[in-house]
Amino acid sequence: MQDISLDVKEVKIEHGENCLLEENFKLIIKFTNNCNIEKCSWDLKYFVDMTNKRHIIDIGKSETINCYEKDKENIFEYSVDEIHLEGIPKNLLNNVGLLVATLYKEQNEVFKLSMVVQVEKKEDGKLYRTILNPLE
């Protein structure tokens, strides 16, 4: 099996800046790849790390994609209605997090894109996020 590599050309995060932590957003990744990637899917997770403790929040999983074609510009788009944060203390969430989009072919990880999420508690007592674009 050929090693699969992706070259990310553009990342767009709609509704990713200065928004409530749990609010909706849309992720768009444009890329090319060195070979056809068939029957694959994306998985999105949000990681919150504290000393000796890690919370992993499942954000969503795409439907199976039939084929990302070799040497063509391919696009992955995923809309998130809400990040479910129930049961995680606010003091743990008021920290830098990591949004990770992982591409799988069957059960095998092919590619991972990590985006730092800055979280800040504002005067209204609510947590606001800014998802940083890894290409900027």
N, C-alpha and C. Protein backbone atom coordinates (compact mmCIF):
# COMPACT_ATOMS: atom_id res chain seq x y z
N MET A 1 0.84 -1.18 0.00
CA MET A 1 0.00 0.00 0.00
C MET A 1 0.89 1.25 0.00
N GLN A 2 0.57 2.19 -0.86
CA GLN A 2 1.34 3.43 -1.00
C GLN A 2 1.10 4.33 0.21
N ASP A 3 2.18 5.01 0.64
CA ASP A 3 2.02 6.00 1.70
C ASP A 3 1.18 7.15 1.17
N ILE A 4 0.21 7.56 1.95
CA ILE A 4 -0.69 8.64 1.56
C ILE A 4 -0.20 9.93 2.18
N SER A 5 -0.12 10.98 1.36
CA SER A 5 0.22 12.28 1.92
C SER A 5 -0.75 13.32 1.37
N LEU A 6 -1.07 14.29 2.23
CA LEU A 6 -1.94 15.39 1.86
C LEU A 6 -1.16 16.68 1.92
N ASP A 7 -1.45 17.56 1.00
CA ASP A 7 -0.88 18.90 1.00
C ASP A 7 -2.05 19.87 1.19
N VAL A 8 -2.16 20.44 2.38
CA VAL A 8 -3.27 21.33 2.69
C VAL A 8 -3.01 22.69 2.05
N LYS A 9 -3.95 23.13 1.24
CA LYS A 9 -3.82 24.40 0.51
C LYS A 9 -4.52 25.53 1.25
N GLU A 10 -5.62 25.22 1.93
CA GLU A 10 -6.40 26.26 2.60
C GLU A 10 -7.22 25.65 3.73
N VAL A 11 -7.33 26.39 4.82
CA VAL A 11 -8.21 26.03 5.93
C VAL A 11 -9.06 27.26 6.22
N LYS A 12 -10.38 27.07 6.23
CA LYS A 12 -11.31 28.14 6.60
C LYS A 12 -12.11 27.66 7.79
N ILE A 13 -12.27 28.56 8.74
CA ILE A 13 -13.08 28.26 9.92
C ILE A 13 -14.12 29.37 10.01
N GLU A 14 -15.34 29.02 9.66
CA GLU A 14 -16.43 30.00 9.72
C GLU A 14 -17.03 29.98 11.12
N HIS A 15 -17.22 31.16 11.68
CA HIS A 15 -17.78 31.33 13.02
C HIS A 15 -16.82 30.72 14.06
N GLY A 16 -15.53 30.99 13.87
CA GLY A 16 -14.54 30.41 14.77
C GLY A 16 -13.87 31.41 15.69
N GLU A 17 -14.15 32.70 15.50
CA GLU A 17 -13.43 33.71 16.26
C GLU A 17 -14.37 34.47 17.20
N ASN A 18 -13.96 34.56 18.47
CA ASN A 18 -14.69 35.30 19.50
C ASN A 18 -16.15 34.86 19.59
N CYS A 19 -16.36 33.55 19.66
CA CYS A 19 -17.69 32.95 19.77
C CYS A 19 -17.76 32.16 21.07
N LEU A 20 -18.98 31.92 21.53
CA LEU A 20 -19.14 31.05 22.69
C LEU A 20 -18.50 29.70 22.39
N LEU A 21 -17.84 29.13 23.39
CA LEU A 21 -17.09 27.89 23.20
C LEU A 21 -17.95 26.79 22.58
N GLU A 22 -19.19 26.67 23.03
CA GLU A 22 -20.03 25.56 22.58
C GLU A 22 -20.78 25.84 21.27
N GLU A 23 -20.65 27.04 20.71
CA GLU A 23 -21.43 27.41 19.53
C GLU A 23 -20.99 26.68 18.26
N ASN A 24 -21.87 26.78 17.27
CA ASN A 24 -21.65 26.14 15.97
C ASN A 24 -20.46 26.75 15.24
N PHE A 25 -19.89 25.98 14.31
CA PHE A 25 -18.86 26.47 13.40
C PHE A 25 -18.82 25.55 12.18
N LYS A 26 -18.13 26.03 11.15
CA LYS A 26 -17.95 25.23 9.94
C LYS A 26 -16.47 25.18 9.61
N LEU A 27 -15.97 23.99 9.33
CA LEU A 27 -14.58 23.77 8.98
C LEU A 27 -14.51 23.38 7.51
N ILE A 28 -13.63 24.06 6.77
CA ILE A 28 -13.41 23.76 5.35
C ILE A 28 -11.91 23.55 5.15
N ILE A 29 -11.54 22.39 4.61
CA ILE A 29 -10.14 22.08 4.34
C ILE A 29 -10.02 21.76 2.85
N LYS A 30 -9.16 22.52 2.16
CA LYS A 30 -8.88 22.26 0.74
C LYS A 30 -7.48 21.66 0.66
N PHE A 31 -7.36 20.58 -0.10
CA PHE A 31 -6.08 19.87 -0.14
C PHE A 31 -5.93 19.08 -1.44
N THR A 32 -4.69 18.70 -1.71
CA THR A 32 -4.40 17.73 -2.76
C THR A 32 -3.76 16.52 -2.08
N ASN A 33 -3.78 15.40 -2.77
CA ASN A 33 -3.19 14.18 -2.22
C ASN A 33 -2.44 13.43 -3.32
N ASN A 34 -1.49 12.62 -2.90
CA ASN A 34 -0.59 11.96 -3.85
C ASN A 34 -1.14 10.68 -4.47
N CYS A 35 -2.30 10.22 -4.00
CA CYS A 35 -2.92 9.02 -4.56
C CYS A 35 -4.41 9.07 -4.24
N ASN A 36 -5.19 8.26 -4.94
CA ASN A 36 -6.61 8.19 -4.63
C ASN A 36 -6.79 7.68 -3.21
N ILE A 37 -7.70 8.31 -2.48
CA ILE A 37 -8.04 7.85 -1.13
C ILE A 37 -9.51 7.45 -1.17
N GLU A 38 -9.76 6.15 -1.13
CA GLU A 38 -11.12 5.64 -1.27
C GLU A 38 -11.68 5.20 0.07
N LYS A 39 -12.99 5.33 0.17
CA LYS A 39 -13.73 4.88 1.35
C LYS A 39 -13.09 5.38 2.64
N CYS A 40 -13.07 6.69 2.77
CA CYS A 40 -12.44 7.31 3.93
C CYS A 40 -13.48 8.16 4.67
N SER A 41 -13.12 8.61 5.87
CA SER A 41 -14.00 9.49 6.64
C SER A 41 -13.16 10.36 7.56
N TRP A 42 -13.75 11.46 7.99
CA TRP A 42 -13.11 12.40 8.90
C TRP A 42 -13.75 12.28 10.28
N ASP A 43 -12.94 12.50 11.29
CA ASP A 43 -13.40 12.48 12.68
C ASP A 43 -12.90 13.76 13.34
N LEU A 44 -13.79 14.48 14.02
CA LEU A 44 -13.40 15.71 14.70
C LEU A 44 -13.52 15.52 16.21
N LYS A 45 -12.48 15.93 16.91
CA LYS A 45 -12.45 15.85 18.37
C LYS A 45 -11.89 17.15 18.93
N TYR A 46 -12.32 17.46 20.16
CA TYR A 46 -11.79 18.61 20.89
C TYR A 46 -11.11 18.08 22.14
N PHE A 47 -9.83 18.44 22.31
CA PHE A 47 -9.03 17.96 23.43
C PHE A 47 -8.84 19.09 24.44
N VAL A 48 -9.12 18.77 25.70
CA VAL A 48 -8.88 19.69 26.80
C VAL A 48 -7.89 19.01 27.73
N ASP A 49 -6.72 19.62 27.90
CA ASP A 49 -5.67 19.03 28.74
C ASP A 49 -5.46 19.87 29.99
N MET A 50 -5.35 19.19 31.09
CA MET A 50 -4.93 19.78 32.35
C MET A 50 -3.90 18.82 32.94
N THR A 51 -3.19 19.27 33.95
CA THR A 51 -2.21 18.41 34.58
C THR A 51 -2.89 17.11 35.02
N ASN A 52 -2.36 15.98 34.58
CA ASN A 52 -2.84 14.65 34.94
C ASN A 52 -4.28 14.36 34.51
N LYS A 53 -4.85 15.16 33.62
CA LYS A 53 -6.23 14.91 33.21
C LYS A 53 -6.42 15.37 31.77
N ARG A 54 -7.08 14.56 30.96
CA ARG A 54 -7.38 14.90 29.58
C ARG A 54 -8.84 14.54 29.30
N HIS A 55 -9.54 15.50 28.72
CA HIS A 55 -10.91 15.25 28.27
C HIS A 55 -10.90 15.27 26.75
N ILE A 56 -11.52 14.28 26.15
CA ILE A 56 -11.65 14.22 24.70
C ILE A 56 -13.14 14.29 24.38
N ILE A 57 -13.52 15.33 23.64
CA ILE A 57 -14.92 15.55 23.32
C ILE A 57 -15.13 15.20 21.85
N ASP A 58 -15.99 14.23 21.59
CA ASP A 58 -16.32 13.87 20.21
C ASP A 58 -17.21 14.97 19.63
N ILE A 59 -16.77 15.54 18.53
CA ILE A 59 -17.54 16.61 17.89
C ILE A 59 -18.38 16.04 16.76
N GLY A 60 -17.82 15.13 16.01
CA GLY A 60 -18.59 14.54 14.92
C GLY A 60 -17.72 13.72 14.00
N LYS A 61 -18.41 12.99 13.13
CA LYS A 61 -17.74 12.14 12.16
C LYS A 61 -18.48 12.30 10.83
N SER A 62 -17.71 12.43 9.78
CA SER A 62 -18.32 12.59 8.46
C SER A 62 -18.87 11.25 7.98
N GLU A 63 -19.71 11.34 6.97
CA GLU A 63 -20.13 10.12 6.29
C GLU A 63 -18.93 9.62 5.48
N THR A 64 -18.99 8.40 5.04
CA THR A 64 -17.91 7.83 4.23
C THR A 64 -17.83 8.56 2.89
N ILE A 65 -16.62 8.95 2.53
CA ILE A 65 -16.37 9.62 1.26
C ILE A 65 -15.91 8.56 0.27
N ASN A 66 -16.53 8.50 -0.89
CA ASN A 66 -16.18 7.47 -1.87
C ASN A 66 -14.74 7.57 -2.32
N CYS A 67 -14.30 8.78 -2.73
CA CYS A 67 -12.93 8.90 -3.23
C CYS A 67 -12.47 10.35 -3.27
N TYR A 68 -11.30 10.60 -2.69
CA TYR A 68 -10.57 11.85 -2.92
C TYR A 68 -9.58 11.52 -4.03
N GLU A 69 -9.71 12.21 -5.17
CA GLU A 69 -8.89 11.86 -6.33
C GLU A 69 -7.49 12.44 -6.25
N LYS A 70 -6.55 11.67 -6.77
CA LYS A 70 -5.14 12.04 -6.82
C LYS A 70 -4.94 13.32 -7.63
N ASP A 71 -4.08 14.20 -7.09
CA ASP A 71 -3.63 15.41 -7.78
C ASP A 71 -4.76 16.38 -8.15
N LYS A 72 -5.92 16.27 -7.54
CA LYS A 72 -7.00 17.22 -7.74
C LYS A 72 -7.21 17.99 -6.45
N GLU A 73 -7.75 19.20 -6.55
CA GLU A 73 -8.09 19.90 -5.31
C GLU A 73 -9.34 19.27 -4.73
N ASN A 74 -9.20 18.74 -3.54
CA ASN A 74 -10.31 18.12 -2.84
C ASN A 74 -10.73 19.02 -1.70
N ILE A 75 -11.99 18.90 -1.31
CA ILE A 75 -12.53 19.75 -0.25
C ILE A 75 -13.28 18.90 0.77
N PHE A 76 -12.95 19.14 2.04
CA PHE A 76 -13.72 18.57 3.14
C PHE A 76 -14.42 19.73 3.84
N GLU A 77 -15.75 19.63 3.97
CA GLU A 77 -16.54 20.63 4.69
C GLU A 77 -17.34 19.92 5.77
N TYR A 78 -17.33 20.50 6.96
CA TYR A 78 -18.09 19.90 8.06
C TYR A 78 -18.67 21.01 8.93
N SER A 79 -19.97 20.96 9.14
CA SER A 79 -20.64 21.93 10.01
C SER A 79 -20.96 21.28 11.34
N VAL A 80 -20.66 22.00 12.39
CA VAL A 80 -20.91 21.54 13.76
C VAL A 80 -22.01 22.41 14.33
N ASP A 81 -23.11 21.79 14.76
CA ASP A 81 -24.22 22.56 15.32
C ASP A 81 -23.91 23.07 16.72
N GLU A 82 -23.22 22.24 17.50
CA GLU A 82 -22.93 22.57 18.89
C GLU A 82 -21.85 21.64 19.41
N ILE A 83 -20.98 22.17 20.26
CA ILE A 83 -20.01 21.33 20.96
C ILE A 83 -20.61 20.99 22.32
N HIS A 84 -20.81 19.72 22.57
CA HIS A 84 -21.45 19.28 23.82
C HIS A 84 -20.41 19.18 24.93
N LEU A 85 -20.53 20.07 25.91
CA LEU A 85 -19.52 20.18 26.97
C LEU A 85 -20.07 19.79 28.34
N GLU A 86 -21.23 19.16 28.36
CA GLU A 86 -21.84 18.78 29.62
C GLU A 86 -20.91 17.89 30.44
N GLY A 87 -20.86 18.15 31.75
CA GLY A 87 -20.08 17.31 32.64
C GLY A 87 -18.62 17.68 32.77
N ILE A 88 -18.16 18.67 32.01
CA ILE A 88 -16.77 19.10 32.11
C ILE A 88 -16.75 20.44 32.85
N PRO A 89 -16.05 20.51 33.98
CA PRO A 89 -16.02 21.76 34.76
C PRO A 89 -15.49 22.93 33.94
N LYS A 90 -16.11 24.11 34.16
CA LYS A 90 -15.71 25.32 33.42
C LYS A 90 -14.24 25.65 33.63
N ASN A 91 -13.73 25.39 34.84
CA ASN A 91 -12.32 25.73 35.09
C ASN A 91 -11.38 24.90 34.22
N LEU A 92 -11.79 23.69 33.82
CA LEU A 92 -10.97 22.89 32.90
C LEU A 92 -11.08 23.42 31.47
N LEU A 93 -12.27 23.91 31.13
CA LEU A 93 -12.49 24.41 29.76
C LEU A 93 -11.84 25.77 29.54
N ASN A 94 -11.64 26.52 30.62
CA ASN A 94 -11.03 27.85 30.52
C ASN A 94 -9.52 27.70 30.37
N ASN A 95 -9.14 27.14 29.24
CA ASN A 95 -7.76 26.76 28.99
C ASN A 95 -7.58 26.63 27.48
N VAL A 96 -6.37 26.58 27.03
CA VAL A 96 -6.12 26.33 25.61
C VAL A 96 -6.52 24.89 25.29
N GLY A 97 -7.24 24.71 24.20
CA GLY A 97 -7.64 23.38 23.76
C GLY A 97 -7.10 23.09 22.38
N LEU A 98 -7.45 21.92 21.87
CA LEU A 98 -6.98 21.51 20.55
C LEU A 98 -8.14 20.87 19.79
N LEU A 99 -8.45 21.44 18.64
CA LEU A 99 -9.44 20.86 17.73
C LEU A 99 -8.67 20.04 16.71
N VAL A 100 -9.02 18.77 16.57
CA VAL A 100 -8.27 17.87 15.69
C VAL A 100 -9.23 17.23 14.68
N ALA A 101 -8.89 17.41 13.40
CA ALA A 101 -9.62 16.74 12.31
C ALA A 101 -8.72 15.63 11.79
N THR A 102 -9.20 14.40 11.88
CA THR A 102 -8.40 13.24 11.48
C THR A 102 -9.09 12.52 10.32
N LEU A 103 -8.32 12.23 9.28
CA LEU A 103 -8.82 11.48 8.13
C LEU A 103 -8.44 10.02 8.32
N TYR A 104 -9.45 9.14 8.19
CA TYR A 104 -9.23 7.69 8.31
C TYR A 104 -9.60 7.02 7.00
N LYS A 105 -8.80 6.05 6.61
CA LYS A 105 -9.14 5.13 5.52
C LYS A 105 -9.32 3.79 6.18
N GLU A 106 -10.56 3.33 6.16
CA GLU A 106 -10.95 2.17 6.95
C GLU A 106 -10.67 2.51 8.41
N GLN A 107 -9.90 1.76 9.12
CA GLN A 107 -9.60 2.04 10.52
C GLN A 107 -8.26 2.74 10.73
N ASN A 108 -7.57 3.03 9.63
CA ASN A 108 -6.21 3.55 9.72
C ASN A 108 -6.17 5.07 9.58
N GLU A 109 -5.45 5.71 10.49
CA GLU A 109 -5.27 7.16 10.43
C GLU A 109 -4.36 7.49 9.25
N VAL A 110 -4.83 8.42 8.40
CA VAL A 110 -4.10 8.82 7.21
C VAL A 110 -3.47 10.20 7.39
N PHE A 111 -4.22 11.09 8.05
CA PHE A 111 -3.79 12.48 8.16
C PHE A 111 -4.47 13.11 9.36
N LYS A 112 -3.75 14.05 9.97
CA LYS A 112 -4.30 14.75 11.14
C LYS A 112 -3.98 16.23 11.02
N LEU A 113 -5.00 17.06 11.20
CA LEU A 113 -4.84 18.52 11.20
C LEU A 113 -5.25 19.03 12.58
N SER A 114 -4.31 19.69 13.28
CA SER A 114 -4.57 20.20 14.62
C SER A 114 -4.69 21.71 14.59
N MET A 115 -5.70 22.21 15.30
CA MET A 115 -5.95 23.64 15.39
C MET A 115 -6.03 24.04 16.86
N VAL A 116 -5.20 24.98 17.26
CA VAL A 116 -5.22 25.47 18.64
C VAL A 116 -6.49 26.29 18.85
N VAL A 117 -7.11 26.08 20.01
CA VAL A 117 -8.31 26.83 20.37
C VAL A 117 -8.01 27.62 21.64
N GLN A 118 -8.02 28.94 21.51
CA GLN A 118 -7.82 29.79 22.69
C GLN A 118 -9.18 30.05 23.32
N VAL A 119 -9.27 29.82 24.62
CA VAL A 119 -10.52 30.00 25.35
C VAL A 119 -10.30 31.06 26.41
N GLU A 120 -11.28 31.95 26.54
CA GLU A 120 -11.17 33.06 27.47
C GLU A 120 -12.52 33.28 28.15
N LYS A 121 -12.49 33.44 29.47
CA LYS A 121 -13.69 33.77 30.22
C LYS A 121 -13.85 35.29 30.20
N LYS A 122 -15.01 35.74 29.71
CA LYS A 122 -15.26 37.18 29.57
C LYS A 122 -16.03 37.69 30.80
N GLU A 123 -16.27 38.99 30.82
CA GLU A 123 -16.94 39.62 31.94
C GLU A 123 -18.32 39.06 32.22
N ASP A 124 -18.99 38.55 31.20
CA ASP A 124 -20.32 37.97 31.40
C ASP A 124 -20.27 36.57 32.01
N GLY A 125 -19.05 36.07 32.31
CA GLY A 125 -18.89 34.76 32.94
C GLY A 125 -18.90 33.60 31.97
N LYS A 126 -19.09 33.87 30.69
CA LYS A 126 -19.15 32.82 29.68
C LYS A 126 -17.78 32.63 29.03
N LEU A 127 -17.58 31.41 28.49
CA LEU A 127 -16.33 31.07 27.82
C LEU A 127 -16.45 31.32 26.32
N TYR A 128 -15.46 32.03 25.78
CA TYR A 128 -15.42 32.35 24.36
C TYR A 128 -14.17 31.72 23.74
N ARG A 129 -14.31 31.30 22.49
CA ARG A 129 -13.21 30.62 21.82
C ARG A 129 -12.78 31.39 20.59
N THR A 130 -11.52 31.16 20.23
CA THR A 130 -10.99 31.55 18.93
C THR A 130 -10.20 30.35 18.43
N ILE A 131 -10.63 29.81 17.28
CA ILE A 131 -9.95 28.68 16.66
C ILE A 131 -8.89 29.24 15.73
N LEU A 132 -7.63 28.93 16.00
CA LEU A 132 -6.53 29.48 15.20
C LEU A 132 -6.30 28.63 13.95
N ASN A 133 -6.14 29.32 12.84
CA ASN A 133 -5.89 28.65 11.58
C ASN A 133 -4.44 28.17 11.56
N PRO A 134 -4.19 26.87 11.37
CA PRO A 134 -2.82 26.37 11.40
C PRO A 134 -1.96 26.83 10.23
N LEU A 135 -2.56 27.41 9.21
CA LEU A 135 -1.80 27.88 8.06
C LEU A 135 -1.44 29.35 8.15
N GLU A 136 -1.90 30.01 9.20
CA GLU A 136 -1.60 31.44 9.33
C GLU A 136 -0.57 31.69 10.40
